[in-house]
Protein backbone atom coordinates (compact mmCIF):
# COMPACT_ATOMS: atom_id res chain seq x y z
CA MET A 1 -24.34 4.30 34.28
CA ALA A 2 -22.47 7.62 34.34
CA ARG A 3 -19.15 5.79 34.57
CA LEU A 4 -19.95 4.04 31.29
CA PHE A 5 -19.98 7.27 29.33
CA VAL A 6 -17.07 9.50 28.37
CA ASP A 7 -15.48 11.30 31.32
CA LEU A 8 -16.04 15.07 31.00
CA THR A 9 -13.87 16.01 33.99
CA PRO A 10 -11.03 17.56 31.88
CA LEU A 11 -13.53 19.95 30.26
CA ARG A 12 -14.73 21.10 33.67
CA ALA A 13 -11.27 21.28 35.20
CA SER A 14 -9.46 23.32 32.53
CA LYS A 15 -10.99 26.20 30.55
CA PRO A 16 -8.00 26.41 28.12
CA TYR A 17 -8.31 22.70 27.41
CA ARG A 18 -12.06 23.07 26.89
CA ARG A 19 -11.49 25.92 24.42
CA LEU A 20 -8.84 24.02 22.46
CA TRP A 21 -10.91 20.82 22.47
CA THR A 22 -13.92 22.65 21.05
CA ALA A 23 -11.92 24.38 18.33
CA MET A 24 -10.18 21.21 17.23
CA GLY A 25 -13.53 19.44 17.08
CA ILE A 26 -14.92 22.09 14.73
CA SER A 27 -11.82 22.18 12.53
CA ASN A 28 -11.63 18.38 12.26
CA ILE A 29 -14.95 18.43 10.41
CA GLY A 30 -13.59 20.87 7.83
CA GLN A 31 -10.31 19.00 7.51
CA GLN A 32 -12.07 15.72 6.73
CA MET A 33 -14.32 17.45 4.22
CA THR A 34 -11.14 18.65 2.54
CA ALA A 35 -9.67 15.13 2.58
CA ILE A 36 -12.76 13.82 0.79
CA ALA A 37 -12.65 16.68 -1.71
CA VAL A 38 -8.96 16.14 -2.50
CA GLY A 39 -9.45 12.40 -3.00
CA LEU A 40 -12.38 13.04 -5.33
CA GLN A 41 -10.48 15.69 -7.29
CA VAL A 42 -7.44 13.48 -7.80
CA TYR A 43 -9.54 10.45 -8.78
CA GLU A 44 -11.70 12.48 -11.18
CA LEU A 45 -8.60 13.94 -12.84
CA THR A 46 -6.67 10.65 -13.10
CA LYS A 47 -9.15 7.73 -12.64
CA SER A 48 -6.35 5.98 -10.73
CA SER A 49 -6.23 4.56 -7.19
CA PHE A 50 -2.45 4.73 -7.44
CA MET A 51 -2.57 8.50 -8.00
CA VAL A 52 -4.91 8.86 -5.03
CA GLY A 53 -2.44 6.76 -3.04
CA LEU A 54 0.33 9.20 -4.01
CA VAL A 55 -1.49 11.82 -1.96
CA GLY A 56 -0.16 9.87 1.03
CA LEU A 57 3.38 10.06 -0.28
CA PHE A 58 3.24 13.83 -0.68
CA GLN A 59 1.98 14.05 2.89
CA LEU A 60 4.53 11.58 4.26
CA VAL A 61 7.79 13.21 3.18
CA PRO A 62 7.14 16.56 4.94
CA LEU A 63 5.73 14.71 7.94
CA VAL A 64 8.98 12.86 8.55
CA GLY A 65 11.31 15.83 8.39
CA PHE A 66 9.11 18.53 9.88
CA GLY A 67 7.52 16.23 12.46
CA LEU A 68 10.85 15.33 14.04
CA TYR A 69 12.18 18.89 13.86
CA GLY A 70 8.86 20.34 15.01
CA GLY A 71 9.03 18.26 18.16
CA THR A 72 12.26 20.00 19.14
CA LEU A 73 10.58 23.38 18.68
CA SER A 74 7.92 22.32 21.19
CA ASP A 75 10.58 21.48 23.79
CA ALA A 76 12.68 24.61 23.19
CA PHE A 77 10.05 27.34 22.74
CA ASP A 78 6.65 28.36 24.08
CA ARG A 79 4.31 25.60 22.92
CA ARG A 80 1.47 28.07 22.52
CA LEU A 81 3.52 30.13 20.05
CA VAL A 82 4.57 27.07 18.05
CA GLY A 83 0.97 25.89 17.88
CA LEU A 84 -0.31 29.33 16.87
CA ILE A 85 2.15 29.80 14.00
CA SER A 86 1.46 26.32 12.64
CA ALA A 87 -2.31 26.93 12.89
CA LEU A 88 -1.92 30.08 10.80
CA GLY A 89 0.00 28.07 8.19
CA LEU A 90 -2.67 25.38 8.07
CA TRP A 91 -5.38 28.01 7.70
CA ALA A 92 -3.47 29.50 4.74
CA CYS A 93 -3.35 26.05 3.09
CA SER A 94 -7.11 25.72 3.52
CA VAL A 95 -7.47 29.04 1.71
CA GLY A 96 -5.21 27.67 -1.04
CA PHE A 97 -7.46 24.64 -1.62
CA LEU A 98 -10.46 26.95 -1.85
CA VAL A 99 -8.75 29.26 -4.34
CA GLN A 100 -7.56 26.49 -6.70
CA SER A 101 -11.06 25.02 -6.78
CA SER A 102 -12.74 28.39 -7.32
CA LEU A 103 -10.40 29.13 -10.23
CA GLY A 104 -11.00 25.69 -11.77
CA LEU A 105 -7.28 24.93 -12.11
CA GLU A 106 -7.82 21.13 -12.30
CA SER A 107 -4.14 20.50 -11.62
CA VAL A 108 -2.97 17.41 -9.74
CA ALA A 109 0.42 19.08 -9.27
CA VAL A 110 -1.16 22.03 -7.46
CA LEU A 111 -3.11 19.66 -5.21
CA TYR A 112 0.00 17.65 -4.39
CA GLY A 113 1.90 20.86 -3.62
CA LEU A 114 -0.77 22.17 -1.24
CA ILE A 115 -0.97 18.77 0.43
CA ALA A 116 2.80 18.76 1.04
CA ILE A 117 2.81 22.28 2.54
CA GLN A 118 -0.22 21.48 4.69
CA SER A 119 1.49 18.32 5.93
CA ALA A 120 4.60 20.28 6.92
CA PHE A 121 2.62 22.74 9.05
CA PHE A 122 0.65 19.90 10.64
CA ALA A 123 3.90 18.11 11.46
CA VAL A 124 5.22 21.17 13.30
CA GLY A 125 2.01 22.00 15.12
CA ASN A 126 0.72 18.61 16.22
CA PRO A 127 3.58 17.80 18.63
CA ALA A 128 2.97 21.15 20.32
CA ARG A 129 -0.78 20.58 20.62
CA GLN A 130 -0.30 17.08 22.05
CA ALA A 131 2.50 18.09 24.43
CA ILE A 132 0.31 20.91 25.72
CA ILE A 133 -2.38 18.57 27.05
CA PRO A 134 -0.53 17.19 30.13
CA ARG A 135 0.28 20.79 31.14
CA LEU A 136 -3.40 21.76 30.92
CA VAL A 137 -5.09 18.79 32.65
CA GLY A 138 -2.46 16.86 34.66
CA GLN A 139 -1.42 13.20 34.46
CA ASP A 140 -4.42 11.73 36.31
CA LEU A 141 -6.83 13.06 33.71
CA LEU A 142 -4.79 12.03 30.66
CA PRO A 143 -6.85 8.94 29.72
CA ALA A 144 -10.06 10.98 29.94
CA ALA A 145 -8.55 13.92 28.03
CA ASN A 146 -7.23 11.63 25.30
CA ALA A 147 -10.60 9.88 25.04
CA LEU A 148 -12.26 13.29 24.63
CA GLY A 149 -9.68 14.30 22.04
CA MET A 150 -10.21 11.13 20.06
CA LEU A 151 -13.96 11.65 20.31
CA THR A 152 -13.78 15.06 18.61
CA TRP A 153 -11.37 13.63 16.04
CA SER A 154 -13.77 10.78 15.35
CA VAL A 155 -16.78 13.09 15.14
CA GLY A 156 -14.85 15.06 12.51
CA PHE A 157 -14.10 11.87 10.61
CA THR A 158 -17.81 10.95 10.78
CA ILE A 159 -19.52 14.23 9.99
CA GLY A 160 -16.81 15.63 7.71
CA PRO A 161 -16.87 12.92 5.03
CA LEU A 162 -20.67 12.72 5.14
CA LEU A 163 -21.09 16.47 4.77
CA GLY A 164 -18.31 16.59 2.20
CA GLY A 165 -19.94 13.87 0.12
CA ILE A 166 -23.37 15.50 0.42
CA LEU A 167 -22.08 18.95 -0.51
CA VAL A 168 -20.21 17.60 -3.53
CA ALA A 169 -23.21 15.51 -4.59
CA THR A 170 -25.68 18.40 -4.33
CA SER A 171 -23.49 21.20 -5.68
CA GLY A 172 -21.48 19.23 -8.22
CA THR A 173 -18.28 20.89 -7.02
CA VAL A 174 -15.68 20.48 -4.26
CA THR A 175 -15.54 24.22 -3.56
CA LEU A 176 -18.05 24.22 -0.70
CA PRO A 177 -16.16 21.64 1.42
CA TYR A 178 -13.02 23.73 1.05
CA LEU A 179 -14.92 26.83 2.21
CA VAL A 180 -16.12 25.07 5.37
CA ASP A 181 -12.51 24.06 6.10
CA VAL A 182 -11.35 27.68 5.87
CA ILE A 183 -13.97 28.74 8.41
CA GLY A 184 -13.23 25.83 10.75
CA PHE A 185 -9.50 26.40 10.93
CA GLY A 186 -10.06 30.06 11.70
CA VAL A 187 -11.57 28.85 15.00
CA VAL A 188 -8.37 26.89 15.78
CA VAL A 189 -6.27 30.02 15.28
CA TRP A 190 -8.49 31.81 17.78
CA ALA A 191 -8.23 28.97 20.34
CA MET A 192 -4.43 28.80 20.11
CA TRP A 193 -4.25 32.58 20.55
CA ARG A 194 -6.27 32.34 23.79
CA LEU A 195 -4.07 29.68 25.41
CA PRO A 196 -1.83 30.73 28.31
CA LYS A 197 1.91 30.95 27.76
CA LEU A 198 3.53 27.50 27.96
CA PRO A 199 7.32 27.95 28.15
CA PRO A 200 9.60 24.91 28.15
CA THR A 201 10.17 22.96 31.34
CA ILE A 202 13.77 23.25 32.54
CA VAL A 203 14.99 20.57 34.94
CA PRO A 204 17.53 21.96 37.45
CA GLY A 205 21.05 20.99 36.44
CA ASP A 206 20.09 20.19 32.84
CA ALA A 207 21.04 22.21 29.79
CA VAL A 208 18.57 24.75 28.44
CA PRO A 209 16.35 23.04 25.82
CA ARG A 210 17.22 23.90 22.22
CA ALA A 211 15.81 23.22 18.81
CA GLY A 212 17.62 21.53 15.94
CA TRP A 213 18.71 18.15 14.68
CA SER A 214 20.99 17.62 17.66
CA ALA A 215 17.88 17.84 19.85
CA VAL A 216 16.17 15.32 17.56
CA LYS A 217 19.10 13.01 18.20
CA GLU A 218 18.72 13.52 21.96
CA GLY A 219 15.10 12.41 21.67
CA PHE A 220 16.10 9.22 19.88
CA VAL A 221 18.85 8.61 22.45
CA PHE A 222 16.20 8.86 25.18
CA LEU A 223 13.96 6.48 23.22
CA ARG A 224 16.74 3.88 22.90
CA GLY A 225 15.89 0.86 25.05
CA LYS A 226 12.43 2.20 25.96
CA ARG A 227 10.63 -0.83 24.60
CA ASN A 228 7.14 0.11 25.76
CA LEU A 229 7.29 3.54 24.13
CA GLN A 230 8.73 2.00 20.97
CA MET A 231 5.92 -0.55 20.84
CA THR A 232 3.27 2.18 20.75
CA PHE A 233 4.88 3.29 17.50
CA TYR A 234 5.45 -0.17 16.02
CA GLU A 235 1.94 -1.46 16.68
CA ASP A 236 0.36 1.63 15.16
CA LEU A 237 2.55 1.39 12.06
CA ILE A 238 1.43 -2.19 11.55
CA ALA A 239 -2.23 -1.23 11.80
CA MET A 240 -2.03 1.79 9.53
CA VAL A 241 0.42 0.60 6.87
CA PHE A 242 -1.25 -2.77 6.27
CA GLY A 243 -4.82 -2.27 7.46
CA MET A 244 -5.83 1.17 6.19
CA PRO A 245 -7.71 0.99 2.84
CA ARG A 246 -8.61 4.71 2.72
CA ALA A 247 -6.90 5.37 -0.63
CA LEU A 248 -9.06 2.68 -2.22
CA PHE A 249 -12.39 4.21 -1.15
CA PRO A 250 -12.94 6.26 -4.35
CA ALA A 251 -12.35 3.18 -6.53
CA ILE A 252 -14.37 0.93 -4.20
CA ALA A 253 -17.29 3.37 -4.27
CA ALA A 254 -17.18 3.51 -8.07
CA GLN A 255 -16.43 -0.16 -8.86
CA TRP A 256 -18.11 -2.14 -6.10
CA TYR A 257 -21.24 -0.03 -5.67
CA GLY A 258 -21.35 2.03 -8.89
CA GLY A 259 -24.07 4.44 -9.96
CA SER A 260 -23.98 8.06 -11.01
CA VAL A 261 -21.37 10.59 -9.94
CA ARG A 262 -23.76 11.68 -7.19
CA ASP A 263 -24.18 8.07 -5.99
CA VAL A 264 -20.42 7.49 -5.96
CA ALA A 265 -19.82 10.69 -3.97
CA THR A 266 -22.46 9.64 -1.43
CA VAL A 267 -21.05 6.12 -1.03
CA LEU A 268 -17.55 7.55 -0.70
CA GLY A 269 -18.74 9.77 2.13
CA LEU A 270 -20.35 6.79 3.86
CA LEU A 271 -17.24 4.63 3.52
CA ALA A 272 -15.02 7.36 4.93
CA ALA A 273 -17.44 8.15 7.75
CA ALA A 274 -18.15 4.58 8.90
CA PRO A 275 -14.85 3.98 10.78
CA ALA A 276 -15.20 7.35 12.45
CA LEU A 277 -18.78 6.59 13.49
CA GLY A 278 -17.53 3.45 15.21
CA ALA A 279 -14.84 5.53 16.89
CA VAL A 280 -17.45 8.05 18.04
CA LEU A 281 -19.54 5.32 19.64
CA SER A 282 -16.52 3.83 21.40
CA GLY A 283 -15.60 7.35 22.51
CA ILE A 284 -19.05 8.04 23.93
CA PHE A 285 -18.84 4.84 25.96
CA SER A 286 -15.19 5.35 26.91
CA GLY A 287 -15.77 5.82 30.64
CA PRO A 288 -14.32 2.40 31.54
CA LEU A 289 -11.08 3.10 29.63
CA GLY A 290 -9.80 5.24 32.49
CA ARG A 291 -9.88 2.15 34.72
CA VAL A 292 -7.94 -0.15 32.38
CA ARG A 293 -4.65 -1.08 34.01
CA TRP A 294 -3.00 -3.32 31.40
CA GLN A 295 -2.98 -0.82 28.57
CA GLY A 296 -0.41 -2.60 26.37
CA ARG A 297 -2.52 -5.71 25.92
CA ALA A 298 -5.58 -3.51 25.28
CA ILE A 299 -3.68 -1.96 22.34
CA VAL A 300 -2.73 -5.33 20.87
CA ILE A 301 -6.26 -6.73 21.17
CA SER A 302 -7.70 -3.59 19.60
CA ILE A 303 -5.37 -3.82 16.61
CA VAL A 304 -6.28 -7.50 16.09
CA VAL A 305 -9.96 -6.53 16.02
CA TRP A 306 -9.16 -3.69 13.60
CA GLY A 307 -7.33 -5.96 11.14
CA THR A 308 -10.00 -8.67 11.30
CA ALA A 309 -12.79 -6.18 10.59
CA ILE A 310 -10.88 -4.63 7.66
CA ALA A 311 -10.32 -8.07 6.09
CA ALA A 312 -14.02 -8.84 6.49
CA PHE A 313 -14.90 -5.52 4.83
CA GLY A 314 -12.90 -6.55 1.79
CA GLY A 315 -14.92 -9.71 1.37
CA VAL A 316 -18.46 -8.27 1.27
CA ARG A 317 -20.41 -6.35 -1.37
CA TRP A 318 -23.54 -5.43 0.59
CA LEU A 319 -23.06 -1.80 1.61
CA PRO A 320 -24.76 -1.92 5.06
CA LEU A 321 -22.60 -4.89 6.13
CA ALA A 322 -19.48 -3.27 4.70
CA LEU A 323 -20.21 -0.12 6.70
CA LEU A 324 -20.73 -2.21 9.86
CA PHE A 325 -17.31 -3.83 9.51
CA LEU A 326 -15.71 -0.43 8.97
CA ALA A 327 -17.47 0.90 12.07
CA ILE A 328 -16.16 -2.03 14.16
CA ALA A 329 -12.66 -1.32 12.85
CA GLY A 330 -12.97 2.34 13.76
CA ALA A 331 -14.14 1.56 17.29
CA ALA A 332 -11.16 -0.72 17.85
CA ASP A 333 -8.73 1.82 16.42
CA ASN A 334 -10.08 4.51 18.74
CA VAL A 335 -9.42 2.37 21.82
CA SER A 336 -5.88 1.69 20.60
CA ALA A 337 -5.27 5.39 19.95
CA VAL A 338 -6.42 6.46 23.42
CA PHE A 339 -4.05 4.06 25.16
CA ARG A 340 -1.10 4.74 22.82
CA ALA A 341 -1.36 8.46 23.48
CA THR A 342 -1.75 7.90 27.23
CA ILE A 343 1.30 5.63 27.49
CA LEU A 344 3.42 8.11 25.56
CA GLN A 345 2.34 11.08 27.67
CA ALA A 346 2.49 9.29 31.04
CA ALA A 347 5.80 7.49 30.58
CA THR A 348 7.72 10.39 28.99
CA PRO A 349 9.27 13.22 31.08
CA ASP A 350 7.89 16.67 30.15
CA GLU A 351 11.24 17.89 28.82
CA TYR A 352 11.12 15.15 26.17
CA ARG A 353 7.40 15.21 25.39
CA GLY A 354 7.70 17.57 22.42
CA ARG A 355 10.35 15.45 20.72
CA LEU A 356 8.55 12.19 21.42
CA GLN A 357 5.30 13.73 20.21
CA GLY A 358 7.20 14.64 17.05
CA VAL A 359 8.03 10.98 16.54
CA PHE A 360 4.43 10.13 17.43
CA THR A 361 3.18 12.57 14.79
CA VAL A 362 5.40 11.02 12.14
CA VAL A 363 4.10 7.56 13.04
CA VAL A 364 0.41 8.34 13.57
CA ALA A 365 0.06 10.69 10.62
CA GLY A 366 2.70 9.09 8.42
CA GLY A 367 1.54 5.50 8.87
CA PRO A 368 -1.78 6.03 7.07
CA ARG A 369 0.07 7.82 4.25
CA LEU A 370 2.36 4.84 3.83
CA GLY A 371 -0.78 2.74 3.99
CA ASP A 372 -2.25 4.80 1.13
CA VAL A 373 0.80 4.07 -1.01
CA GLU A 374 0.84 0.37 -0.04
CA ALA A 375 -2.89 -0.10 -0.64
CA GLY A 376 -2.81 1.76 -3.96
CA THR A 377 0.21 -0.18 -5.20
CA VAL A 378 -1.21 -3.61 -4.30
CA ALA A 379 -4.53 -2.61 -5.87
CA VAL A 380 -2.82 -1.73 -9.16
CA ILE A 381 -1.16 -5.17 -9.27
CA PHE A 382 -3.81 -7.47 -7.75
CA GLY A 383 -6.98 -5.38 -7.48
CA GLU A 384 -8.81 -3.62 -4.66
CA THR A 385 -10.24 -6.78 -3.10
CA VAL A 386 -6.87 -8.48 -2.64
CA SER A 387 -5.37 -5.24 -1.35
CA VAL A 388 -7.97 -4.82 1.40
CA ILE A 389 -8.12 -8.47 2.57
CA SER A 390 -4.37 -9.11 2.48
CA GLY A 391 -3.73 -5.90 4.41
CA GLY A 392 -6.13 -6.87 7.19
CA VAL A 393 -4.67 -10.35 7.54
CA ALA A 394 -1.10 -9.03 7.59
CA CYS A 395 -2.10 -6.53 10.28
CA VAL A 396 -3.41 -9.28 12.60
CA LEU A 397 -0.42 -11.58 12.15
CA LEU A 398 2.21 -8.87 12.58
CA ALA A 399 0.53 -7.31 15.63
CA LEU A 400 0.39 -10.64 17.45
CA GLY A 401 3.91 -11.58 16.43
CA LEU A 402 5.38 -8.31 17.67
CA ALA A 403 3.52 -8.55 20.99
CA ARG A 404 4.95 -12.02 21.52
CA ALA A 405 8.45 -10.74 20.76
CA VAL A 406 8.16 -7.92 23.35
CA PRO A 407 6.35 -9.40 26.39
CA SER A 408 7.00 -6.30 28.54
CA PHE A 409 4.47 -4.38 26.46
CA TRP A 410 1.79 -6.99 27.17
CA GLN A 411 2.55 -6.49 30.88
CA TYR A 412 2.61 -2.66 30.78
CA ASP A 413 1.06 -1.41 34.05
CA ALA A 414 -0.69 1.98 33.97
CA HIS A 415 -0.25 2.25 37.74
CA HIS A 416 3.53 2.17 37.31
CA PRO A 417 4.37 3.70 33.89
CA VAL A 418 7.66 2.36 32.56
CA PRO A 419 8.89 3.73 29.22
């Protein structure tokens, strides 16, 4: 039975990893509380799903530029230092959200500005944090470490929205969720400070790593022709751009399930938490994932399940069943995320991991933002129901079509990683 549950070996094997894992788990709760609070603030100020969807656009633009450039910083400088500076920036943004709420500014422009700055710091820091993991635990423990990482992320997505919705419902303000976020990210700053130095890896005979757009180009040159690595990006983009209805949750909570402001806030928290709860359950029972050999086909199957569950969610109006479909979607997405991260880390040389993690950050974090814009735009034209169902169906068809076009990904062998 022990092999059925999540593998805790990386936590026992590496104290720095254990410290970072714990801190990120705490901060994820605060970050998701902030995401709920921002969505509620924007919707309350504008009464528009499109304006909530624009939150994704203001996150996306900094993600693209700073994510790619930030990856070069992680290859050229001490990854601990890069992660620490970005964590300090993210903590300052959390303070900014708290201040604007406390002052009662009620400005969408201020919210969009803070979101953009926060996204830029995340884009710089995330490649460093992800590229650090293979150095802390080793390649053999990567599937287990990634499953643990996704578990803490999913716990944050479960508890954060629920607590955020409850705090808003009981206090009548979004200030308390922002306060929790400030405290949580302070723990991340401490964890990054305690990491050992992680200078760049220099391969004998190669040039000294450097930061800059020329280094970004080198990363894309390395990626050229690496079909399996490319597919981890393409499949995730399909799932997130077409199958992620997150921007519609405020309108869905208000229009499909209705009630008072308190009821809407509670339903919104449940909708946002349901996919993460499914991801938590799949993470708890992730022990067998470390023994999966054909990881490419596991990604494709997971994305098909994700899209099917999202389409089903769009067709029901009974809240318990809707939450069940969202939980199934979240469980499937978690499995896909574990294997996508593992393929990228295992098949990429260490000297390129920062730059490829930069691309990964743009895709993983930027895809849902594009999805917010896509979902909000379709909802404005055709309504929330059409937006959700059509997105899920498109996700399934495109994922299968792309897998058929690149058969090497379906045959990807974890025992012999080929980029």
